[in-house]
N, C-alpha and C. Protein backbone atom coordinates (compact mmCIF):
# COMPACT_ATOMS: atom_id res chain seq x y z
N MET A 1 0.81 -1.19 0.00
CA MET A 1 0.00 0.00 0.00
C MET A 1 0.87 1.26 0.00
N LEU A 2 1.95 1.22 0.79
CA LEU A 2 2.85 2.35 0.86
C LEU A 2 3.54 2.58 -0.49
N ALA A 3 3.88 1.50 -1.19
CA ALA A 3 4.52 1.61 -2.50
C ALA A 3 3.58 2.27 -3.50
N LEU A 4 2.29 1.97 -3.44
CA LEU A 4 1.32 2.59 -4.34
C LEU A 4 1.22 4.09 -4.08
N ALA A 5 1.28 4.49 -2.83
CA ALA A 5 1.22 5.91 -2.49
C ALA A 5 2.41 6.66 -3.05
N HIS A 6 3.60 6.05 -2.93
CA HIS A 6 4.81 6.68 -3.48
C HIS A 6 4.73 6.76 -5.00
N LEU A 7 4.23 5.70 -5.63
CA LEU A 7 4.10 5.67 -7.08
C LEU A 7 3.12 6.75 -7.54
N GLY A 8 2.03 6.90 -6.80
CA GLY A 8 1.05 7.93 -7.12
C GLY A 8 1.62 9.32 -7.03
N ARG A 9 2.40 9.58 -5.98
CA ARG A 9 3.04 10.89 -5.81
C ARG A 9 4.05 11.17 -6.92
N LEU A 10 4.80 10.12 -7.30
CA LEU A 10 5.78 10.26 -8.37
C LEU A 10 5.07 10.62 -9.68
N GLY A 11 3.98 9.93 -9.97
CA GLY A 11 3.20 10.23 -11.18
C GLY A 11 2.66 11.64 -11.16
N LEU A 12 2.16 12.07 -10.03
CA LEU A 12 1.66 13.43 -9.89
C LEU A 12 2.77 14.46 -10.10
N ALA A 13 3.93 14.21 -9.54
CA ALA A 13 5.07 15.13 -9.70
C ALA A 13 5.51 15.23 -11.15
N VAL A 14 5.57 14.08 -11.84
CA VAL A 14 5.96 14.08 -13.25
C VAL A 14 4.91 14.83 -14.08
N GLY A 15 3.65 14.59 -13.79
CA GLY A 15 2.58 15.27 -14.51
C GLY A 15 2.61 16.77 -14.30
N MET A 16 2.82 17.22 -13.08
CA MET A 16 2.89 18.65 -12.80
C MET A 16 4.09 19.29 -13.48
N ALA A 17 5.21 18.58 -13.50
CA ALA A 17 6.40 19.10 -14.18
C ALA A 17 6.13 19.28 -15.67
N ALA A 18 5.43 18.34 -16.27
CA ALA A 18 5.10 18.44 -17.70
C ALA A 18 4.18 19.62 -17.96
N VAL A 19 3.18 19.82 -17.10
CA VAL A 19 2.26 20.94 -17.26
C VAL A 19 3.00 22.26 -17.11
N LEU A 20 3.87 22.38 -16.13
CA LEU A 20 4.63 23.61 -15.94
C LEU A 20 5.56 23.89 -17.11
N ALA A 21 6.24 22.86 -17.59
CA ALA A 21 7.16 23.05 -18.72
C ALA A 21 6.39 23.48 -19.96
N THR A 22 5.24 22.88 -20.22
CA THR A 22 4.44 23.25 -21.37
C THR A 22 3.90 24.66 -21.22
N GLY A 23 3.42 25.00 -20.04
CA GLY A 23 2.90 26.34 -19.79
C GLY A 23 3.95 27.41 -19.98
N LEU A 24 5.15 27.18 -19.50
CA LEU A 24 6.23 28.15 -19.65
C LEU A 24 6.65 28.28 -21.10
N ALA A 25 6.65 27.20 -21.84
CA ALA A 25 7.06 27.24 -23.24
C ALA A 25 6.06 28.05 -24.06
N THR A 26 4.77 27.90 -23.79
CA THR A 26 3.79 28.61 -24.59
C THR A 26 3.68 30.08 -24.22
N SER A 27 4.02 30.46 -22.99
CA SER A 27 3.90 31.85 -22.59
C SER A 27 5.03 32.71 -23.15
N ALA A 28 6.08 32.11 -23.64
CA ALA A 28 7.23 32.86 -24.15
C ALA A 28 7.26 32.86 -25.68
N GLN A 29 6.10 32.73 -26.33
CA GLN A 29 6.06 32.69 -27.77
C GLN A 29 6.30 34.06 -28.37
N ALA A 30 6.76 34.05 -29.59
CA ALA A 30 6.99 35.30 -30.29
C ALA A 30 6.67 35.10 -31.76
N ALA A 31 6.39 36.19 -32.42
CA ALA A 31 6.19 36.15 -33.86
C ALA A 31 7.54 35.92 -34.53
N THR A 32 7.49 35.29 -35.69
CA THR A 32 8.69 35.11 -36.49
C THR A 32 8.69 36.16 -37.58
N GLY A 33 9.78 36.88 -37.70
CA GLY A 33 9.88 37.93 -38.70
C GLY A 33 10.16 39.26 -38.05
N ARG A 34 9.73 40.32 -38.71
CA ARG A 34 10.04 41.64 -38.17
C ARG A 34 8.92 42.63 -38.49
N ILE A 35 8.87 43.65 -37.67
CA ILE A 35 8.01 44.79 -37.92
C ILE A 35 8.95 45.91 -38.36
N GLN A 36 8.72 46.41 -39.55
CA GLN A 36 9.56 47.48 -40.11
C GLN A 36 8.73 48.75 -40.11
N TYR A 37 9.33 49.84 -39.65
CA TYR A 37 8.60 51.11 -39.71
C TYR A 37 9.56 52.24 -40.02
N PHE A 38 8.98 53.32 -40.53
CA PHE A 38 9.74 54.50 -40.92
C PHE A 38 9.14 55.73 -40.24
N ASP A 39 10.02 56.65 -39.83
CA ASP A 39 9.52 57.91 -39.29
C ASP A 39 9.26 58.89 -40.44
N VAL A 40 8.83 60.09 -40.13
CA VAL A 40 8.50 61.07 -41.17
C VAL A 40 9.71 61.50 -42.00
N ASN A 41 10.92 61.29 -41.48
CA ASN A 41 12.14 61.63 -42.22
C ASN A 41 12.65 60.47 -43.06
N GLY A 42 11.94 59.34 -43.03
CA GLY A 42 12.35 58.18 -43.81
C GLY A 42 13.34 57.27 -43.12
N GLN A 43 13.64 57.53 -41.84
CA GLN A 43 14.57 56.66 -41.11
C GLN A 43 13.88 55.33 -40.80
N GLU A 44 14.59 54.24 -41.07
CA GLU A 44 14.04 52.90 -40.87
C GLU A 44 14.32 52.39 -39.46
N PHE A 45 13.33 51.69 -38.89
CA PHE A 45 13.47 51.02 -37.60
C PHE A 45 12.94 49.60 -37.75
N LEU A 46 13.52 48.65 -37.00
CA LEU A 46 13.11 47.25 -37.08
C LEU A 46 12.88 46.68 -35.68
N ILE A 47 11.86 45.85 -35.57
CA ILE A 47 11.64 45.03 -34.37
C ILE A 47 11.64 43.60 -34.87
N THR A 48 12.65 42.83 -34.48
CA THR A 48 12.80 41.46 -34.97
C THR A 48 12.23 40.46 -33.97
N ASP A 49 11.46 39.50 -34.48
CA ASP A 49 10.83 38.45 -33.68
C ASP A 49 10.17 39.01 -32.42
N PRO A 50 9.20 39.92 -32.58
CA PRO A 50 8.56 40.53 -31.41
C PRO A 50 7.76 39.53 -30.59
N PRO A 51 7.75 39.68 -29.27
CA PRO A 51 7.00 38.75 -28.41
C PRO A 51 5.49 38.97 -28.55
N ASP A 52 4.74 37.90 -28.31
CA ASP A 52 3.28 37.97 -28.34
C ASP A 52 2.74 38.75 -27.14
N ASN A 53 1.67 39.49 -27.38
CA ASN A 53 0.89 40.13 -26.32
C ASN A 53 1.70 41.04 -25.39
N VAL A 54 2.70 41.70 -25.94
CA VAL A 54 3.50 42.66 -25.19
C VAL A 54 3.43 44.00 -25.93
N CYS A 55 3.12 45.06 -25.20
CA CYS A 55 3.08 46.38 -25.81
C CYS A 55 4.51 46.84 -26.08
N LEU A 56 4.79 47.18 -27.33
CA LEU A 56 6.12 47.64 -27.71
C LEU A 56 6.04 49.10 -28.14
N THR A 57 6.73 49.95 -27.43
CA THR A 57 6.77 51.37 -27.76
C THR A 57 7.78 51.57 -28.89
N LEU A 58 7.36 52.26 -29.93
CA LEU A 58 8.24 52.51 -31.07
C LEU A 58 9.26 53.59 -30.72
N GLN A 59 10.41 53.55 -31.39
CA GLN A 59 11.48 54.52 -31.12
C GLN A 59 11.16 55.90 -31.66
N ALA A 60 10.24 55.96 -32.63
CA ALA A 60 9.83 57.23 -33.22
C ALA A 60 8.40 57.07 -33.72
N ARG A 61 7.70 58.19 -33.86
CA ARG A 61 6.35 58.10 -34.46
C ARG A 61 6.48 57.53 -35.87
N ALA A 62 5.64 56.56 -36.16
CA ALA A 62 5.74 55.87 -37.45
C ALA A 62 4.85 56.52 -38.49
N SER A 63 5.42 56.80 -39.65
CA SER A 63 4.59 57.27 -40.76
C SER A 63 4.15 56.08 -41.61
N THR A 64 4.93 54.99 -41.58
CA THR A 64 4.60 53.76 -42.29
C THR A 64 5.02 52.58 -41.42
N ILE A 65 4.14 51.57 -41.32
CA ILE A 65 4.44 50.34 -40.58
C ILE A 65 4.16 49.17 -41.49
N ASP A 66 5.10 48.23 -41.55
CA ASP A 66 4.98 47.04 -42.39
C ASP A 66 5.11 45.80 -41.50
N ASN A 67 4.08 44.97 -41.49
CA ASN A 67 4.09 43.74 -40.70
C ASN A 67 4.67 42.61 -41.53
N GLU A 68 5.94 42.31 -41.30
CA GLU A 68 6.62 41.23 -42.01
C GLU A 68 6.76 40.00 -41.11
N THR A 69 5.82 39.85 -40.14
CA THR A 69 5.84 38.69 -39.25
C THR A 69 4.80 37.67 -39.71
N ASN A 70 4.71 36.57 -38.97
CA ASN A 70 3.74 35.52 -39.29
C ASN A 70 2.46 35.66 -38.45
N LYS A 71 2.31 36.78 -37.73
CA LYS A 71 1.14 37.00 -36.87
C LYS A 71 0.58 38.40 -37.08
N SER A 72 -0.66 38.60 -36.65
CA SER A 72 -1.29 39.92 -36.75
C SER A 72 -0.70 40.87 -35.72
N VAL A 73 -0.69 42.16 -36.07
CA VAL A 73 -0.13 43.19 -35.19
C VAL A 73 -1.16 44.32 -35.05
N ASN A 74 -1.48 44.67 -33.80
CA ASN A 74 -2.33 45.83 -33.55
C ASN A 74 -1.44 47.07 -33.50
N VAL A 75 -1.94 48.17 -34.04
CA VAL A 75 -1.22 49.44 -34.10
C VAL A 75 -2.00 50.47 -33.26
N TYR A 76 -1.27 51.25 -32.45
CA TYR A 76 -1.89 52.22 -31.54
C TYR A 76 -1.23 53.60 -31.67
N LEU A 77 -2.01 54.64 -31.45
CA LEU A 77 -1.47 56.00 -31.47
C LEU A 77 -0.63 56.30 -30.23
N GLY A 78 -1.07 55.85 -29.05
CA GLY A 78 -0.38 56.14 -27.80
C GLY A 78 0.82 55.23 -27.57
N THR A 79 1.67 55.64 -26.63
CA THR A 79 2.89 54.87 -26.33
C THR A 79 2.62 53.64 -25.46
N ALA A 80 1.44 53.55 -24.86
CA ALA A 80 1.12 52.42 -23.97
C ALA A 80 0.03 51.54 -24.56
N CYS A 81 0.05 51.40 -25.89
CA CYS A 81 -0.96 50.61 -26.60
C CYS A 81 -2.37 51.08 -26.28
N ASN A 82 -2.53 52.41 -26.28
CA ASN A 82 -3.87 52.97 -26.16
C ASN A 82 -4.20 53.73 -27.43
N THR A 83 -5.45 53.96 -27.67
CA THR A 83 -5.99 54.58 -28.88
C THR A 83 -5.67 53.69 -30.10
N PHE A 84 -6.43 52.61 -30.20
CA PHE A 84 -6.29 51.63 -31.28
C PHE A 84 -6.48 52.30 -32.64
N VAL A 85 -5.62 51.93 -33.60
CA VAL A 85 -5.71 52.45 -34.96
C VAL A 85 -6.20 51.37 -35.92
N THR A 86 -5.49 50.25 -35.99
CA THR A 86 -5.83 49.20 -36.94
C THR A 86 -5.12 47.90 -36.58
N THR A 87 -5.51 46.83 -37.23
CA THR A 87 -4.82 45.55 -37.13
C THR A 87 -4.18 45.26 -38.48
N LEU A 88 -2.89 44.96 -38.46
CA LEU A 88 -2.17 44.60 -39.67
C LEU A 88 -2.01 43.08 -39.72
N GLU A 89 -2.59 42.46 -40.72
CA GLU A 89 -2.39 41.03 -40.93
C GLU A 89 -0.96 40.82 -41.46
N PRO A 90 -0.44 39.59 -41.36
CA PRO A 90 0.90 39.32 -41.89
C PRO A 90 1.02 39.76 -43.35
N GLY A 91 2.12 40.43 -43.65
CA GLY A 91 2.39 40.87 -45.02
C GLY A 91 1.71 42.18 -45.40
N ARG A 92 1.02 42.82 -44.47
CA ARG A 92 0.32 44.07 -44.76
C ARG A 92 1.10 45.28 -44.23
N ALA A 93 0.87 46.42 -44.85
CA ALA A 93 1.52 47.67 -44.41
C ALA A 93 0.47 48.76 -44.36
N VAL A 94 0.78 49.81 -43.60
CA VAL A 94 -0.12 50.95 -43.53
C VAL A 94 0.69 52.23 -43.38
N ALA A 95 0.24 53.28 -44.08
CA ALA A 95 0.79 54.62 -43.88
C ALA A 95 -0.26 55.34 -43.06
N HIS A 96 0.16 56.08 -42.04
CA HIS A 96 -0.82 56.67 -41.14
C HIS A 96 -0.43 58.09 -40.75
N VAL A 97 -1.36 58.99 -40.94
CA VAL A 97 -1.18 60.36 -40.47
C VAL A 97 -1.44 60.37 -38.97
N GLY A 98 -0.62 61.02 -38.21
CA GLY A 98 -0.78 61.06 -36.76
C GLY A 98 0.31 60.31 -36.03
N GLY A 99 0.99 59.44 -36.73
CA GLY A 99 2.15 58.77 -36.17
C GLY A 99 1.93 57.81 -35.03
N PRO A 100 1.53 56.57 -35.33
CA PRO A 100 1.42 55.56 -34.27
C PRO A 100 2.72 55.45 -33.47
N GLN A 101 2.58 55.15 -32.16
CA GLN A 101 3.74 55.09 -31.28
C GLN A 101 3.92 53.75 -30.60
N SER A 102 3.01 52.78 -30.81
CA SER A 102 3.19 51.47 -30.19
C SER A 102 2.45 50.40 -30.98
N VAL A 103 2.90 49.16 -30.77
CA VAL A 103 2.31 48.01 -31.45
C VAL A 103 2.24 46.83 -30.47
N ARG A 104 1.38 45.87 -30.80
CA ARG A 104 1.28 44.64 -30.01
C ARG A 104 0.98 43.49 -30.96
N VAL A 105 1.81 42.44 -30.90
CA VAL A 105 1.55 41.22 -31.68
C VAL A 105 0.42 40.47 -30.99
N ILE A 106 -0.58 40.10 -31.75
CA ILE A 106 -1.72 39.38 -31.18
C ILE A 106 -1.71 37.96 -31.72
N GLY A 107 -0.93 37.12 -31.06
CA GLY A 107 -0.74 35.75 -31.51
C GLY A 107 -1.74 34.86 -30.94
């Protein structure tokens, strides 16, 4: 009876370890590719392999944003992913008056 209890605990520990490892692996996902954007002076900026569901503040107001990743990207006017502008599907670009200042990959 005691051996069965130990075996049960071992199985539970192995199962919990697998769940934790899987959970940690999926929470650290990122898009593959890059977000390319240009400021009003034509200077290029790149964000390579951006993480999912993280607000990324752009280095300059973007006059053009190109989503060259494998996931959709939300574009915002504010620096803290506020004032939603549009969603860019993979391979899409947008020119925007007003200069978006942040993006978020929505994987």
